[in-house]
Amino acid sequence: MEFFTDLWQFLKERKKWWLAPIILVLLLLAILIVVGGGSAVAPFIYTLF
């Protein structure tokens, strides 16, 4: 959790708000890959890419 708080502080201090959507999309893709990797939904997720 400390990583996310450090990242949030970096975004606030440096005014790098354009990085927030990129990080959010990468995080969502990572969650999708982890969840879909070991389930019956995996073939449907792979067709998205």
N, C-alpha and C. Protein backbone atom coordinates (compact mmCIF):
# COMPACT_ATOMS: atom_id res chain seq x y z
N MET A 1 0.81 -1.19 0.00
CA MET A 1 0.00 0.00 0.00
C MET A 1 0.86 1.26 0.00
N GLU A 2 2.05 1.16 0.53
CA GLU A 2 2.92 2.33 0.60
C GLU A 2 3.28 2.83 -0.80
N PHE A 3 3.39 1.91 -1.74
CA PHE A 3 3.71 2.30 -3.11
C PHE A 3 2.64 3.22 -3.68
N PHE A 4 1.37 2.89 -3.43
CA PHE A 4 0.28 3.70 -3.96
C PHE A 4 0.21 5.07 -3.30
N THR A 5 0.52 5.14 -2.01
CA THR A 5 0.53 6.44 -1.35
C THR A 5 1.69 7.29 -1.86
N ASP A 6 2.84 6.66 -2.09
CA ASP A 6 3.97 7.40 -2.66
C ASP A 6 3.65 7.89 -4.07
N LEU A 7 3.00 7.05 -4.84
CA LEU A 7 2.62 7.44 -6.19
C LEU A 7 1.63 8.60 -6.16
N TRP A 8 0.67 8.56 -5.27
CA TRP A 8 -0.32 9.63 -5.14
C TRP A 8 0.37 10.94 -4.74
N GLN A 9 1.30 10.86 -3.79
CA GLN A 9 2.03 12.05 -3.38
C GLN A 9 2.86 12.63 -4.54
N PHE A 10 3.46 11.76 -5.33
CA PHE A 10 4.22 12.21 -6.49
C PHE A 10 3.33 12.95 -7.48
N LEU A 11 2.15 12.39 -7.76
CA LEU A 11 1.23 13.03 -8.69
C LEU A 11 0.77 14.38 -8.17
N LYS A 12 0.52 14.48 -6.86
CA LYS A 12 0.06 15.73 -6.29
C LYS A 12 1.15 16.81 -6.30
N GLU A 13 2.35 16.43 -5.90
CA GLU A 13 3.43 17.41 -5.78
C GLU A 13 3.93 17.89 -7.13
N ARG A 14 4.07 16.98 -8.06
CA ARG A 14 4.66 17.33 -9.36
C ARG A 14 3.63 17.77 -10.39
N LYS A 15 2.35 17.71 -10.03
CA LYS A 15 1.25 18.09 -10.94
C LYS A 15 1.29 17.28 -12.24
N LYS A 16 1.51 15.99 -12.11
CA LYS A 16 1.56 15.09 -13.25
C LYS A 16 0.24 14.35 -13.40
N TRP A 17 -0.84 15.08 -13.48
CA TRP A 17 -2.17 14.47 -13.53
C TRP A 17 -2.40 13.69 -14.81
N TRP A 18 -1.62 13.95 -15.88
CA TRP A 18 -1.79 13.21 -17.12
C TRP A 18 -1.34 11.75 -16.97
N LEU A 19 -0.58 11.46 -15.93
CA LEU A 19 -0.14 10.08 -15.69
C LEU A 19 -1.24 9.22 -15.06
N ALA A 20 -2.19 9.84 -14.40
CA ALA A 20 -3.22 9.09 -13.68
C ALA A 20 -4.04 8.17 -14.59
N PRO A 21 -4.53 8.60 -15.77
CA PRO A 21 -5.29 7.68 -16.62
C PRO A 21 -4.44 6.52 -17.14
N ILE A 22 -3.18 6.79 -17.42
CA ILE A 22 -2.30 5.73 -17.91
C ILE A 22 -2.11 4.67 -16.83
N ILE A 23 -1.85 5.11 -15.63
CA ILE A 23 -1.65 4.18 -14.52
C ILE A 23 -2.93 3.40 -14.24
N LEU A 24 -4.07 4.07 -14.31
CA LEU A 24 -5.35 3.40 -14.07
C LEU A 24 -5.62 2.32 -15.12
N VAL A 25 -5.37 2.62 -16.37
CA VAL A 25 -5.60 1.64 -17.44
C VAL A 25 -4.65 0.45 -17.28
N LEU A 26 -3.40 0.70 -16.98
CA LEU A 26 -2.45 -0.40 -16.76
C LEU A 26 -2.85 -1.26 -15.57
N LEU A 27 -3.33 -0.64 -14.53
CA LEU A 27 -3.78 -1.38 -13.35
C LEU A 27 -4.99 -2.24 -13.67
N LEU A 28 -5.94 -1.70 -14.41
CA LEU A 28 -7.13 -2.47 -14.80
C LEU A 28 -6.76 -3.64 -15.71
N LEU A 29 -5.84 -3.43 -16.64
CA LEU A 29 -5.39 -4.53 -17.50
C LEU A 29 -4.70 -5.62 -16.70
N ALA A 30 -3.89 -5.22 -15.73
CA ALA A 30 -3.21 -6.20 -14.89
C ALA A 30 -4.21 -7.02 -14.09
N ILE A 31 -5.21 -6.38 -13.54
CA ILE A 31 -6.24 -7.09 -12.78
C ILE A 31 -7.01 -8.04 -13.69
N LEU A 32 -7.32 -7.58 -14.89
CA LEU A 32 -8.04 -8.42 -15.85
C LEU A 32 -7.23 -9.66 -16.22
N ILE A 33 -5.95 -9.50 -16.42
CA ILE A 33 -5.09 -10.64 -16.78
C ILE A 33 -4.97 -11.61 -15.61
N VAL A 34 -4.80 -11.09 -14.41
CA VAL A 34 -4.65 -11.96 -13.24
C VAL A 34 -5.93 -12.73 -12.96
N VAL A 35 -7.06 -12.06 -13.01
CA VAL A 35 -8.34 -12.71 -12.73
C VAL A 35 -8.71 -13.67 -13.85
N GLY A 36 -8.49 -13.26 -15.08
CA GLY A 36 -8.90 -14.08 -16.21
C GLY A 36 -7.95 -15.20 -16.55
N GLY A 37 -6.75 -15.18 -16.01
CA GLY A 37 -5.76 -16.20 -16.33
C GLY A 37 -6.12 -17.58 -15.84
N GLY A 38 -6.78 -17.69 -14.73
CA GLY A 38 -7.07 -19.00 -14.17
C GLY A 38 -8.54 -19.32 -14.10
N SER A 39 -9.33 -18.73 -14.97
CA SER A 39 -10.76 -18.98 -14.89
C SER A 39 -11.31 -19.45 -16.23
N ALA A 40 -12.58 -19.76 -16.24
CA ALA A 40 -13.23 -20.21 -17.47
C ALA A 40 -13.49 -19.05 -18.42
N VAL A 41 -13.29 -17.84 -17.96
CA VAL A 41 -13.52 -16.66 -18.79
C VAL A 41 -12.31 -16.35 -19.67
N ALA A 42 -11.18 -17.01 -19.41
CA ALA A 42 -9.93 -16.71 -20.10
C ALA A 42 -10.04 -16.71 -21.62
N PRO A 43 -10.68 -17.69 -22.27
CA PRO A 43 -10.75 -17.63 -23.74
C PRO A 43 -11.47 -16.39 -24.26
N PHE A 44 -12.43 -15.88 -23.52
CA PHE A 44 -13.15 -14.69 -23.96
C PHE A 44 -12.32 -13.43 -23.77
N ILE A 45 -11.50 -13.41 -22.73
CA ILE A 45 -10.63 -12.26 -22.50
C ILE A 45 -9.55 -12.21 -23.57
N TYR A 46 -9.01 -13.38 -23.95
CA TYR A 46 -7.94 -13.39 -24.95
C TYR A 46 -8.44 -12.93 -26.30
N THR A 47 -9.71 -13.07 -26.60
CA THR A 47 -10.24 -12.60 -27.88
C THR A 47 -10.31 -11.06 -27.93
N LEU A 48 -10.29 -10.41 -26.77
CA LEU A 48 -10.29 -8.95 -26.75
C LEU A 48 -8.98 -8.38 -27.26
N PHE A 49 -7.91 -9.14 -27.12
CA PHE A 49 -6.60 -8.67 -27.52
C PHE A 49 -6.18 -9.36 -28.77
